PDB file of N, CA and C in Angstrom:
ATOM      1  N   MET A   1       0.658  -1.419   0.332  1.00  0.00           N
ATOM      2  CA  MET A   1       0.029   0.112  -0.017  1.00  0.00           C
ATOM      3  C   MET A   1       0.873   1.252   0.158  1.00  0.00           C
ATOM      4  N   THR A   2       0.269   1.982   0.335  1.00  0.00           N
ATOM      5  CA  THR A   2       1.010   3.941  -0.285  1.00  0.00           C
ATOM      6  C   THR A   2       1.053   4.736   0.926  1.00  0.00           C
ATOM      7  N   GLN A   3       0.722   4.008   1.908  1.00  0.00           N
ATOM      8  CA  GLN A   3       0.522   5.026   3.642  1.00  0.00           C
ATOM      9  C   GLN A   3      -0.524   5.442   3.417  1.00  0.00           C
ATOM     10  N   ARG A   4      -1.833   5.415   1.992  1.00  0.00           N
ATOM     11  CA  ARG A   4      -2.429   6.490   1.706  1.00  0.00           C
ATOM     12  C   ARG A   4      -3.941   5.884   2.888  1.00  0.00           C
ATOM     13  N   SER A   5      -4.922   6.899   2.909  1.00  0.00           N
ATOM     14  CA  SER A   5      -6.188   6.134   3.910  1.00  0.00           C
ATOM     15  C   SER A   5      -6.877   5.891   2.833  1.00  0.00           C
ATOM     16  N   VAL A   6      -7.428   4.606   3.268  1.00  0.00           N
ATOM     17  CA  VAL A   6      -8.402   4.251   2.515  1.00  0.00           C
ATOM     18  C   VAL A   6      -9.591   5.724   0.961  1.00  0.00           C
ATOM     19  N   VAL A   7     -10.161   6.428   2.281  1.00  0.00           N
ATOM     20  CA  VAL A   7     -10.596   7.632   1.618  1.00  0.00           C
ATOM     21  C   VAL A   7      -9.988   8.491   0.447  1.00  0.00           C
ATOM     22  N   ASP A   8      -8.842   7.995   0.625  1.00  0.00           N
ATOM     23  CA  ASP A   8      -7.895   9.022  -0.699  1.00  0.00           C
ATOM     24  C   ASP A   8      -7.776   8.051  -1.760  1.00  0.00           C
ATOM     25  N   LEU A   9      -7.818   6.876  -1.395  1.00  0.00           N
ATOM     26  CA  LEU A   9      -8.243   6.041  -3.061  1.00  0.00           C
ATOM     27  C   LEU A   9      -8.976   5.600  -3.138  1.00  0.00           C
ATOM     28  N   ALA A  10     -10.412   5.912  -2.592  1.00  0.00           N
ATOM     29  CA  ALA A  10     -11.756   5.593  -3.293  1.00  0.00           C
ATOM     30  C   ALA A  10     -12.165   6.805  -3.494  1.00  0.00           C
ATOM     31  N   VAL A  11     -12.412   7.215  -5.059  1.00  0.00           N
ATOM     32  CA  VAL A  11     -12.589   8.451  -5.296  1.00  0.00           C
ATOM     33  C   VAL A  11     -14.137   8.450  -5.838  1.00  0.00           C
ATOM     34  N   ASP A  12     -14.988   8.808  -5.690  1.00  0.00           N
ATOM     35  CA  ASP A  12     -16.287   8.186  -6.937  1.00  0.00           C
ATOM     36  C   ASP A  12     -16.414   9.660  -7.686  1.00  0.00           C
ATOM     37  N   ILE A  13     -15.620   9.660  -9.312  1.00  0.00           N
ATOM     38  CA  ILE A  13     -15.630  10.324  -9.957  1.00  0.00           C
ATOM     39  C   ILE A  13     -16.920  11.167  -9.823  1.00  0.00           C
ATOM     40  N   GLN A  14     -17.938  10.571 -10.435  1.00  0.00           N
ATOM     41  CA  GLN A  14     -18.744  11.294 -10.731  1.00  0.00           C
ATOM     42  C   GLN A  14     -19.451  12.254  -9.537  1.00  0.00           C
ATOM     43  N   SER A  15     -19.338  11.888  -8.007  1.00  0.00           N
ATOM     44  CA  SER A  15     -19.696  13.076  -6.952  1.00  0.00           C
ATOM     45  C   SER A  15     -18.120  14.129  -7.126  1.00  0.00           C
ATOM     46  N   ASN A  16     -17.144  13.561  -7.380  1.00  0.00           N
ATOM     47  CA  ASN A  16     -16.124  14.358  -7.495  1.00  0.00           C
ATOM     48  C   ASN A  16     -16.556  15.866  -8.159  1.00  0.00           C
ATOM     49  N   ASN A  17     -16.504  15.464  -9.312  1.00  0.00           N
ATOM     50  CA  ASN A  17     -16.955  16.032 -10.701  1.00  0.00           C
ATOM     51  C   ASN A  17     -18.156  17.559 -10.211  1.00  0.00           C
ATOM     52  N   LEU A  18     -19.337  16.300  -9.499  1.00  0.00           N
ATOM     53  CA  LEU A  18     -20.207  17.487  -9.135  1.00  0.00           C
ATOM     54  C   LEU A  18     -19.573  18.279  -7.994  1.00  0.00           C
ATOM     55  N   SER A  19     -18.668  17.814  -7.044  1.00  0.00           N
ATOM     56  CA  SER A  19     -18.524  18.829  -5.880  1.00  0.00           C
ATOM     57  C   SER A  19     -17.481  19.879  -6.671  1.00  0.00           C
ATOM     58  N   ARG A  20     -17.012  19.773  -7.374  1.00  0.00           N
ATOM     59  CA  ARG A  20     -16.087  20.452  -8.155  1.00  0.00           C
ATOM     60  C   ARG A  20     -17.523  21.191  -9.005  1.00  0.00           C
ATOM     61  N   GLN A  21     -18.105  21.216  -9.334  1.00  0.00           N
ATOM     62  CA  GLN A  21     -19.303  22.273 -10.152  1.00  0.00           C
ATOM     63  C   GLN A  21     -19.910  23.314  -8.749  1.00  0.00           C
ATOM     64  N   GLU A  22     -20.185  22.510  -7.731  1.00  0.00           N
ATOM     65  CA  GLU A  22     -20.868  23.370  -6.825  1.00  0.00           C
ATOM     66  C   GLU A  22     -19.848  24.221  -6.113  1.00  0.00           C
ATOM     67  N   ALA A  23     -18.153  24.187  -5.964  1.00  0.00           N
ATOM     68  CA  ALA A  23     -17.046  25.231  -5.556  1.00  0.00           C
ATOM     69  C   ALA A  23     -17.218  26.394  -6.564  1.00  0.00           C
ATOM     70  N   ILE A  24     -17.041  25.174  -7.733  1.00  0.00           N
ATOM     71  CA  ILE A  24     -17.132  26.850  -8.833  1.00  0.00           C
ATOM     72  C   ILE A  24     -18.440  28.017  -8.985  1.00  0.00           C
ATOM     73  N   GLN A  25     -19.505  27.306  -8.504  1.00  0.00           N
ATOM     74  CA  GLN A  25     -20.623  28.235  -8.525  1.00  0.00           C
ATOM     75  C   GLN A  25     -21.043  28.926  -7.450  1.00  0.00           C
ATOM     76  N   SER A  26     -20.284  28.805  -6.158  1.00  0.00           N
ATOM     77  CA  SER A  26     -20.100  28.628  -4.861  1.00  0.00           C
ATOM     78  C   SER A  26     -18.859  30.289  -4.592  1.00  0.00           C
ATOM     79  N   LEU A  27     -17.650  29.804  -5.387  1.00  0.00           N
ATOM     80  CA  LEU A  27     -16.615  30.941  -5.313  1.00  0.00           C
ATOM     81  C   LEU A  27     -17.115  31.860  -6.438  1.00  0.00           C
ATOM     82  N   THR A  28     -17.532  31.829  -7.518  1.00  0.00           N
ATOM     83  CA  THR A  28     -17.971  32.525  -8.375  1.00  0.00           C
ATOM     84  C   THR A  28     -19.225  33.480  -7.998  1.00  0.00           C
ATOM     85  N   ALA A  29     -19.839  33.388  -6.999  1.00  0.00           N
ATOM     86  CA  ALA A  29     -20.882  34.206  -6.343  1.00  0.00           C
ATOM     87  C   ALA A  29     -20.401  35.303  -5.892  1.00  0.00           C
ATOM     88  N   ARG A  30     -19.485  34.423  -4.879  1.00  0.00           N
ATOM     89  CA  ARG A  30     -18.479  34.838  -4.388  1.00  0.00           C
ATOM     90  C   ARG A  30     -18.020  36.033  -4.572  1.00  0.00           C
ATOM     91  N   ALA A  31     -17.258  35.874  -5.809  1.00  0.00           N
ATOM     92  CA  ALA A  31     -16.451  36.883  -6.291  1.00  0.00           C
ATOM     93  C   ALA A  31     -17.147  38.307  -6.711  1.00  0.00           C
ATOM     94  N   ASN A  32     -18.228  38.119  -6.644  1.00  0.00           N
ATOM     95  CA  ASN A  32     -18.772  39.124  -7.073  1.00  0.00           C
ATOM     96  C   ASN A  32     -19.341  40.165  -5.975  1.00  0.00           C
ATOM     97  N   ALA A  33     -18.841  39.880  -4.529  1.00  0.00           N
ATOM     98  CA  ALA A  33     -18.906  40.468  -3.873  1.00  0.00           C
ATOM     99  C   ALA A  33     -17.170  41.388  -3.283  1.00  0.00           C
ATOM    100  N   VAL A  34     -15.892  40.697  -4.313  1.00  0.00           N
ATOM    101  CA  VAL A  34     -14.958  41.201  -4.397  1.00  0.00           C
ATOM    102  C   VAL A  34     -15.070  43.161  -5.127  1.00  0.00           C
ATOM    103  N   SER A  35     -15.835  42.711  -5.954  1.00  0.00           N
ATOM    104  CA  SER A  35     -15.806  44.216  -6.536  1.00  0.00           C
ATOM    105  C   SER A  35     -16.208  45.411  -6.152  1.00  0.00           C
ATOM    106  N   ILE A  36     -17.634  44.829  -4.553  1.00  0.00           N
ATOM    107  CA  ILE A  36     -17.852  45.931  -4.130  1.00  0.00           C
ATOM    108  C   ILE A  36     -17.422  46.197  -2.799  1.00  0.00           C
ATOM    109  N   ALA A  37     -16.078  45.436  -2.222  1.00  0.00           N
ATOM    110  CA  ALA A  37     -15.322  45.317  -1.310  1.00  0.00           C
ATOM    111  C   ALA A  37     -14.635  46.423  -0.811  1.00  0.00           C
ATOM    112  N   GLY A  38     -14.691  47.198   0.242  1.00  0.00           N
ATOM    113  CA  GLY A  38     -13.664  47.930   0.546  1.00  0.00           C
ATOM    114  C   GLY A  38     -12.507  46.888   0.652  1.00  0.00           C
ATOM    115  N   GLU A  39     -11.993  47.055   2.228  1.00  0.00           N
ATOM    116  CA  GLU A  39     -10.733  46.687   2.396  1.00  0.00           C
ATOM    117  C   GLU A  39     -10.557  45.519   2.986  1.00  0.00           C
ATOM    118  N   ASP A  40     -12.022  44.850   3.225  1.00  0.00           N
ATOM    119  CA  ASP A  40     -12.338  43.426   3.517  1.00  0.00           C
ATOM    120  C   ASP A  40     -12.782  42.674   3.017  1.00  0.00           C
ATOM    121  N   ILE A  41     -11.768  41.946   2.138  1.00  0.00           N
ATOM    122  CA  ILE A  41     -11.969  41.452   1.052  1.00  0.00           C
ATOM    123  C   ILE A  41     -12.541  39.648   1.504  1.00  0.00           C
ATOM    124  N   PRO A  42     -13.095  39.091   0.569  1.00  0.00           N
ATOM    125  CA  PRO A  42     -14.133  38.180   1.170  1.00  0.00           C
ATOM    126  C   PRO A  42     -13.240  36.917   1.211  1.00  0.00           C
ATOM    127  N   THR A  43     -12.602  35.635   2.048  1.00  0.00           N
ATOM    128  CA  THR A  43     -11.834  34.468   1.822  1.00  0.00           C
ATOM    129  C   THR A  43     -12.458  34.035   0.575  1.00  0.00           C
ATOM    130  N   PRO A  44     -12.011  33.450  -0.389  1.00  0.00           N
ATOM    131  CA  PRO A  44     -12.198  32.253  -1.396  1.00  0.00           C
ATOM    132  C   PRO A  44     -12.659  31.155  -0.435  1.00  0.00           C
ATOM    133  N   CYS A  45     -11.870  30.702   0.609  1.00  0.00           N
ATOM    134  CA  CYS A  45     -12.282  29.693   1.657  1.00  0.00           C
ATOM    135  C   CYS A  45     -14.214  29.153   1.428  1.00  0.00           C
ATOM    136  N   ILE A  46     -14.417  28.229   0.970  1.00  0.00           N
ATOM    137  CA  ILE A  46     -14.996  27.385   0.914  1.00  0.00           C
ATOM    138  C   ILE A  46     -16.155  26.549   2.057  1.00  0.00           C
ATOM    139  N   SER A  47     -14.903  26.310   3.033  1.00  0.00           N
ATOM    140  CA  SER A  47     -14.534  25.296   3.580  1.00  0.00           C
ATOM    141  C   SER A  47     -14.661  23.363   3.080  1.00  0.00           C
ATOM    142  N   VAL A  48     -14.030  23.620   2.248  1.00  0.00           N
ATOM    143  CA  VAL A  48     -14.038  22.312   0.721  1.00  0.00           C
ATOM    144  C   VAL A  48     -12.398  22.201   1.371  1.00  0.00           C
ATOM    145  N   CYS A  49     -11.817  21.822   2.254  1.00  0.00           N
ATOM    146  CA  CYS A  49     -10.544  21.959   2.565  1.00  0.00           C
ATOM    147  C   CYS A  49      -9.417  20.212   2.258  1.00  0.00           C
ATOM    148  N   ARG A  50      -9.631  20.077   0.405  1.00  0.00           N
ATOM    149  CA  ARG A  50      -8.925  19.130  -0.114  1.00  0.00           C
ATOM    150  C   ARG A  50      -7.779  19.263  -1.204  1.00  0.00           C
ATOM    151  N   VAL A  51      -6.457  19.279  -0.882  1.00  0.00           N
ATOM    152  CA  VAL A  51      -5.984  19.569  -1.950  1.00  0.00           C
ATOM    153  C   VAL A  51      -5.288  18.532  -2.847  1.00  0.00           C
ATOM    154  N   ASN A  52      -5.626  19.091  -3.977  1.00  0.00           N
ATOM    155  CA  ASN A  52      -5.467  18.041  -5.538  1.00  0.00           C
ATOM    156  C   ASN A  52      -3.820  17.529  -5.510  1.00  0.00           C
ATOM    157  N   ALA A  53      -3.654  16.539  -5.545  1.00  0.00           N
ATOM    158  CA  ALA A  53      -2.151  16.268  -5.113  1.00  0.00           C
ATOM    159  C   ALA A  53      -1.739  16.117  -7.074  1.00  0.00           C
ATOM    160  N   ASP A  54      -2.568  16.306  -8.278  1.00  0.00           N
ATOM    161  CA  ASP A  54      -2.273  16.334  -9.487  1.00  0.00           C
ATOM    162  C   ASP A  54      -1.529  17.825  -9.871  1.00  0.00           C
ATOM    163  N   ASN A  55      -2.351  18.989  -9.530  1.00  0.00           N
ATOM    164  CA  ASN A  55      -2.210  20.272  -9.952  1.00  0.00           C
ATOM    165  C   ASN A  55      -2.438  21.185  -8.516  1.00  0.00           C
ATOM    166  N   GLY A  56      -1.916  20.795  -7.161  1.00  0.00           N
ATOM    167  CA  GLY A  56      -1.986  21.800  -5.984  1.00  0.00           C
ATOM    168  C   GLY A  56      -2.497  22.507  -5.234  1.00  0.00           C
ATOM    169  N   LEU A  57      -4.151  22.283  -6.225  1.00  0.00           N
ATOM    170  CA  LEU A  57      -4.614  23.450  -5.753  1.00  0.00           C
ATOM    171  C   LEU A  57      -5.627  22.877  -4.907  1.00  0.00           C
ATOM    172  N   CYS A  58      -5.895  23.850  -3.519  1.00  0.00           N
ATOM    173  CA  CYS A  58      -7.143  23.348  -2.690  1.00  0.00           C
ATOM    174  C   CYS A  58      -8.472  22.636  -3.749  1.00  0.00           C
ATOM    175  N   GLU A  59      -9.505  22.145  -3.542  1.00  0.00           N
ATOM    176  CA  GLU A  59     -10.717  21.765  -4.504  1.00  0.00           C
ATOM    177  C   GLU A  59     -12.008  22.014  -4.453  1.00  0.00           C
ATOM    178  N   GLY A  60     -11.589  23.673  -2.902  1.00  0.00           N
ATOM    179  CA  GLY A  60     -12.187  23.781  -2.628  1.00  0.00           C
ATOM    180  C   GLY A  60     -12.422  25.835  -2.949  1.00  0.00           C
ATOM    181  N   CYS A  61     -11.275  26.076  -2.776  1.00  0.00           N
ATOM    182  CA  CYS A  61     -11.480  27.269  -3.345  1.00  0.00           C
ATOM    183  C   CYS A  61      -9.878  27.547  -4.429  1.00  0.00           C
ATOM    184  N   PHE A  62      -9.430  26.689  -4.897  1.00  0.00           N
ATOM    185  CA  PHE A  62      -8.480  26.911  -6.291  1.00  0.00           C
ATOM    186  C   PHE A  62      -7.132  27.791  -5.748  1.00  0.00           C
ATOM    187  N   ARG A  63      -7.247  27.799  -4.534  1.00  0.00           N
ATOM    188  CA  ARG A  63      -5.693  28.728  -4.148  1.00  0.00           C
ATOM    189  C   ARG A  63      -4.698  27.399  -3.940  1.00  0.00           C
ATOM    190  N   THR A  64      -3.137  27.539  -3.988  1.00  0.00           N
ATOM    191  CA  THR A  64      -2.105  26.509  -3.370  1.00  0.00           C
ATOM    192  C   THR A  64      -2.351  26.526  -2.292  1.00  0.00           C
ATOM    193  N   LEU A  65      -1.298  25.995  -1.573  1.00  0.00           N
ATOM    194  CA  LEU A  65      -1.061  25.869  -0.350  1.00  0.00           C
ATOM    195  C   LEU A  65      -0.858  27.173   0.402  1.00  0.00           C
ATOM    196  N   GLY A  66       0.371  27.521  -0.379  1.00  0.00           N
ATOM    197  CA  GLY A  66       1.008  29.008  -0.045  1.00  0.00           C
ATOM    198  C   GLY A  66       0.171  30.232  -0.201  1.00  0.00           C
ATOM    199  N   GLU A  67      -0.626  30.394  -0.778  1.00  0.00           N
ATOM    200  CA  GLU A  67      -1.653  31.044  -1.719  1.00  0.00           C
ATOM    201  C   GLU A  67      -2.605  31.021   0.199  1.00  0.00           C
ATOM    202  N   ILE A  68      -2.904  30.415   0.577  1.00  0.00           N
ATOM    203  CA  ILE A  68      -3.716  30.030   1.008  1.00  0.00           C
ATOM    204  C   ILE A  68      -3.205  30.631   2.793  1.00  0.00           C
ATOM    205  N   SER A  69      -1.914  30.375   3.274  1.00  0.00           N
ATOM    206  CA  SER A  69      -1.437  30.646   4.809  1.00  0.00           C
ATOM    207  C   SER A  69      -1.051  32.174   4.299  1.00  0.00           C
ATOM    208  N   ALA A  70      -1.002  32.468   3.034  1.00  0.00           N
ATOM    209  CA  ALA A  70      -0.251  33.512   2.624  1.00  0.00           C
ATOM    210  C   ALA A  70      -1.753  35.009   3.004  1.00  0.00           C
ATOM    211  N   TRP A  71      -2.941  34.593   2.747  1.00  0.00           N
ATOM    212  CA  TRP A  71      -4.257  35.235   2.844  1.00  0.00           C
ATOM    213  C   TRP A  71      -4.690  36.546   3.715  1.00  0.00           C
ATOM    214  N   GLY A  72      -3.823  35.771   5.236  1.00  0.00           N
ATOM    215  CA  GLY A  72      -4.167  36.794   6.574  1.00  0.00           C
ATOM    216  C   GLY A  72      -3.172  38.261   6.289  1.00  0.00           C
ATOM    217  N   ARG A  73      -2.108  37.579   6.256  1.00  0.00           N
ATOM    218  CA  ARG A  73      -1.062  38.764   5.742  1.00  0.00           C
ATOM    219  C   ARG A  73      -0.642  39.235   4.781  1.00  0.00           C
ATOM    220  N   SER A  74      -2.099  39.266   3.599  1.00  0.00           N
ATOM    221  CA  SER A  74      -1.728  39.961   2.065  1.00  0.00           C
ATOM    222  C   SER A  74      -3.185  41.442   1.901  1.00  0.00           C
ATOM    223  N   THR A  75      -2.151  42.478   1.444  1.00  0.00           N
ATOM    224  CA  THR A  75      -3.052  43.178   1.621  1.00  0.00           C
ATOM    225  C   THR A  75      -4.215  43.394   0.635  1.00  0.00           C
ATOM    226  N   ALA A  76      -5.261  43.944   0.487  1.00  0.00           N
ATOM    227  CA  ALA A  76      -6.547  44.219  -0.062  1.00  0.00           C
ATOM    228  C   ALA A  76      -5.820  44.364  -1.673  1.00  0.00           C
ATOM    229  N   ALA A  77      -5.734  44.563  -1.771  1.00  0.00           N
ATOM    230  CA  ALA A  77      -5.026  44.674  -3.188  1.00  0.00           C
ATOM    231  C   ALA A  77      -4.487  42.932  -4.011  1.00  0.00           C
ATOM    232  N   ASN A  78      -3.347  42.657  -2.952  1.00  0.00           N
ATOM    233  CA  ASN A  78      -3.109  41.177  -3.334  1.00  0.00           C
ATOM    234  C   ASN A  78      -4.306  40.992  -2.863  1.00  0.00           C
ATOM    235  N   LYS A  79      -5.323  40.739  -2.447  1.00  0.00           N
ATOM    236  CA  LYS A  79      -5.640  40.127  -1.708  1.00  0.00           C
ATOM    237  C   LYS A  79      -7.193  39.853  -3.452  1.00  0.00           C
ATOM    238  N   ARG A  80      -7.698  40.754  -4.003  1.00  0.00           N
ATOM    239  CA  ARG A  80      -7.990  41.267  -5.505  1.00  0.00           C
ATOM    240  C   ARG A  80      -7.445  40.816  -6.769  1.00  0.00           C
ATOM    241  N   GLU A  81      -6.360  41.065  -6.135  1.00  0.00           N
ATOM    242  CA  GLU A  81      -5.087  40.060  -7.600  1.00  0.00           C
ATOM    243  C   GLU A  81      -5.343  38.364  -7.520  1.00  0.00           C
ATOM    244  N   LEU A  82      -5.502  38.401  -6.498  1.00  0.00           N
ATOM    245  CA  LEU A  82      -5.296  36.484  -6.007  1.00  0.00           C
ATOM    246  C   LEU A  82      -6.694  36.075  -6.521  1.00  0.00           C
ATOM    247  N   TRP A  83      -7.999  36.882  -6.197  1.00  0.00           N
ATOM    248  CA  TRP A  83      -9.176  36.601  -6.811  1.00  0.00           C
ATOM    249  C   TRP A  83      -8.965  36.425  -8.031  1.00  0.00           C
ATOM    250  N   LYS A  84      -8.279  37.198  -8.671  1.00  0.00           N
ATOM    251  CA  LYS A  84      -8.473  37.149 -10.666  1.00  0.00           C
ATOM    252  C   LYS A  84      -7.918  36.076 -10.435  1.00  0.00           C
ATOM    253  N   THR A  85      -6.535  35.332 -10.459  1.00  0.00           N
ATOM    254  CA  THR A  85      -6.192  34.482 -10.771  1.00  0.00           C
ATOM    255  C   THR A  85      -6.985  33.158  -9.940  1.00  0.00           C
ATOM    256  N   ILE A  86      -7.385  33.168  -9.153  1.00  0.00           N
ATOM    257  CA  ILE A  86      -8.486  32.040  -8.872  1.00  0.00           C
ATOM    258  C   ILE A  86      -9.805  32.079  -9.981  1.00  0.00           C
ATOM    259  N   MET A  87     -10.386  32.860 -10.251  1.00  0.00           N
ATOM    260  CA  MET A  87     -11.245  32.933 -11.529  1.00  0.00           C
ATOM    261  C   MET A  87     -10.738  32.580 -12.507  1.00  0.00           C
ATOM    262  N   HIS A  88      -9.405  32.845 -12.923  1.00  0.00           N
ATOM    263  CA  HIS A  88      -8.895  32.583 -14.312  1.00  0.00           C
ATOM    264  C   HIS A  88      -8.490  31.138 -14.047  1.00  0.00           C
ATOM    265  N   ARG A  89      -8.420  30.394 -12.808  1.00  0.00           N
ATOM    266  CA  ARG A  89      -8.117  29.146 -12.444  1.00  0.00           C
ATOM    267  C   ARG A  89      -9.701  28.547 -13.128  1.00  0.00           C
ATOM    268  N   VAL A  90     -10.635  28.766 -12.276  1.00  0.00           N
ATOM    269  CA  VAL A  90     -11.529  28.720 -12.476  1.00  0.00           C
ATOM    270  C   VAL A  90     -12.535  28.471 -14.327  1.00  0.00           C
ATOM    271  N   LYS A  91     -12.506  29.238 -14.550  1.00  0.00           N
ATOM    272  CA  LYS A  91     -12.325  29.078 -16.099  1.00  0.00           C
ATOM    273  C   LYS A  91     -12.300  27.934 -16.892  1.00  0.00           C
ATOM    274  N   LEU A  92     -10.519  27.893 -16.522  1.00  0.00           N
ATOM    275  CA  LEU A  92      -9.950  26.745 -17.522  1.00  0.00           C
ATOM    276  C   LEU A  92     -10.456  25.187 -17.145  1.00  0.00           C
ATOM    277  N   LEU A  93     -10.894  25.295 -15.705  1.00  0.00           N
ATOM    278  CA  LEU A  93     -10.817  23.800 -15.264  1.00  0.00           C
ATOM    279  C   LEU A  93     -12.558  23.605 -15.225  1.00  0.00           C
ATOM    280  N   ALA A  94     -13.185  24.712 -15.757  1.00  0.00           N
ATOM    281  CA  ALA A  94     -14.610  24.887 -15.915  1.00  0.00           C
ATOM    282  C   ALA A  94     -15.297  24.083 -17.454  1.00  0.00           C
ATOM    283  N   ASP A  95     -13.747  25.036 -17.854  1.00  0.00           N
ATOM    284  CA  ASP A  95     -14.064  24.223 -19.223  1.00  0.00           C
ATOM    285  C   ASP A  95     -14.167  22.714 -20.036  1.00  0.00           C
TER     286      ASP A  95
END
């Protein structure tokens, strides 16, 4: 075995695709709040915290671990830029 838990090895592909679509819909709705937010930019986190081993992105918010850990120290401008990056990733993954 690979020392991975059974949960990591057994993934329902249809359920996984549905989860991705739900994450994309949730992020898209939250992205609308970014443009009207002042200095209090909403976090992209939707409480689906699972990093995809193939692309290194969280399957809920489409950020890297580095981006997730830097969020709290980031300026509002940096957070807006990261939101743009996230929405670009979402567009690529949705196609």
